[in-house]
């Protein structure tokens, strides 16, 4: 599994029509 092997501190999985859960606030992402 690439996500597990990459050892990133968190992972975002986003399915169409569903919210995604992350350990950052939306304001901290600053990508919008």
N, C-alpha and C. Protein backbone atom coordinates (compact mmCIF):
# COMPACT_ATOMS: atom_id res chain seq x y z
N UNK A 1 0.84 -1.19 0.00
CA UNK A 1 0.00 0.00 0.00
C UNK A 1 0.88 1.24 0.00
N UNK A 2 0.74 2.07 -1.00
CA UNK A 2 1.58 3.26 -1.16
C UNK A 2 1.42 4.22 0.01
N UNK A 3 0.19 4.39 0.46
CA UNK A 3 -0.06 5.32 1.57
C UNK A 3 0.67 4.88 2.82
N UNK A 4 0.63 3.61 3.12
CA UNK A 4 1.30 3.10 4.32
C UNK A 4 2.81 3.15 4.17
N UNK A 5 3.32 2.82 3.00
CA UNK A 5 4.76 2.79 2.78
C UNK A 5 5.38 4.18 2.75
N UNK A 6 4.61 5.18 2.38
CA UNK A 6 5.15 6.53 2.28
C UNK A 6 5.39 7.17 3.64
N UNK A 7 4.75 6.62 4.69
CA UNK A 7 4.94 7.08 6.07
C UNK A 7 4.64 8.57 6.25
N UNK A 8 3.66 9.07 5.52
CA UNK A 8 3.25 10.45 5.72
C UNK A 8 2.47 10.56 7.03
N UNK A 9 2.48 11.74 7.67
CA UNK A 9 1.83 11.87 8.98
C UNK A 9 0.31 11.73 8.94
N UNK A 10 -0.28 11.95 7.80
CA UNK A 10 -1.72 11.78 7.67
C UNK A 10 -2.05 11.49 6.21
N UNK A 11 -3.21 10.96 6.00
CA UNK A 11 -3.64 10.66 4.64
C UNK A 11 -5.05 11.17 4.43
N UNK A 12 -5.33 11.62 3.23
CA UNK A 12 -6.67 12.09 2.87
C UNK A 12 -7.25 11.12 1.85
N UNK A 13 -8.38 10.57 2.18
CA UNK A 13 -9.09 9.76 1.20
C UNK A 13 -10.42 10.43 0.94
N UNK A 14 -10.69 10.72 -0.30
CA UNK A 14 -11.88 11.50 -0.65
C UNK A 14 -12.66 10.76 -1.72
N UNK A 15 -13.86 10.36 -1.40
CA UNK A 15 -14.73 9.72 -2.37
C UNK A 15 -15.78 10.72 -2.82
N UNK A 16 -16.14 10.73 -4.10
CA UNK A 16 -17.15 11.66 -4.60
C UNK A 16 -18.43 11.60 -3.78
N UNK A 17 -18.90 12.76 -3.37
CA UNK A 17 -20.13 12.83 -2.60
C UNK A 17 -19.95 12.62 -1.11
N UNK A 18 -18.71 12.47 -0.67
CA UNK A 18 -18.45 12.24 0.74
C UNK A 18 -17.46 13.27 1.26
N UNK A 19 -17.57 13.59 2.53
CA UNK A 19 -16.60 14.48 3.16
C UNK A 19 -15.31 13.69 3.42
N UNK A 20 -14.19 14.39 3.48
CA UNK A 20 -12.96 13.71 3.85
C UNK A 20 -12.50 14.20 5.21
N UNK A 21 -11.80 13.32 5.92
CA UNK A 21 -11.36 13.61 7.28
C UNK A 21 -9.85 13.76 7.28
N UNK A 22 -9.37 14.79 7.94
CA UNK A 22 -7.93 15.07 7.99
C UNK A 22 -7.63 15.71 9.33
N UNK A 23 -6.38 15.66 9.75
CA UNK A 23 -6.03 16.21 11.05
C UNK A 23 -5.65 17.69 10.99
N UNK A 24 -6.00 18.34 9.88
CA UNK A 24 -5.76 19.78 9.73
C UNK A 24 -7.09 20.50 9.59
N UNK A 25 -7.14 21.73 10.03
CA UNK A 25 -8.32 22.54 9.80
C UNK A 25 -8.33 23.02 8.36
N UNK A 26 -9.49 23.32 7.83
CA UNK A 26 -9.61 23.79 6.46
C UNK A 26 -8.76 25.04 6.25
N UNK A 27 -8.75 25.92 7.24
CA UNK A 27 -7.97 27.16 7.14
C UNK A 27 -6.48 26.88 7.03
N UNK A 28 -6.01 25.78 7.61
CA UNK A 28 -4.59 25.46 7.58
C UNK A 28 -4.15 24.90 6.23
N UNK A 29 -5.11 24.35 5.47
CA UNK A 29 -4.76 23.76 4.18
C UNK A 29 -4.36 24.83 3.17
N UNK A 30 -5.10 25.93 3.15
CA UNK A 30 -4.80 27.07 2.29
C UNK A 30 -4.58 26.67 0.83
N UNK A 31 -5.46 25.82 0.31
CA UNK A 31 -5.34 25.41 -1.09
C UNK A 31 -6.57 25.82 -1.88
N UNK A 32 -7.51 26.53 -1.25
CA UNK A 32 -8.75 26.88 -1.93
C UNK A 32 -8.67 28.26 -2.52
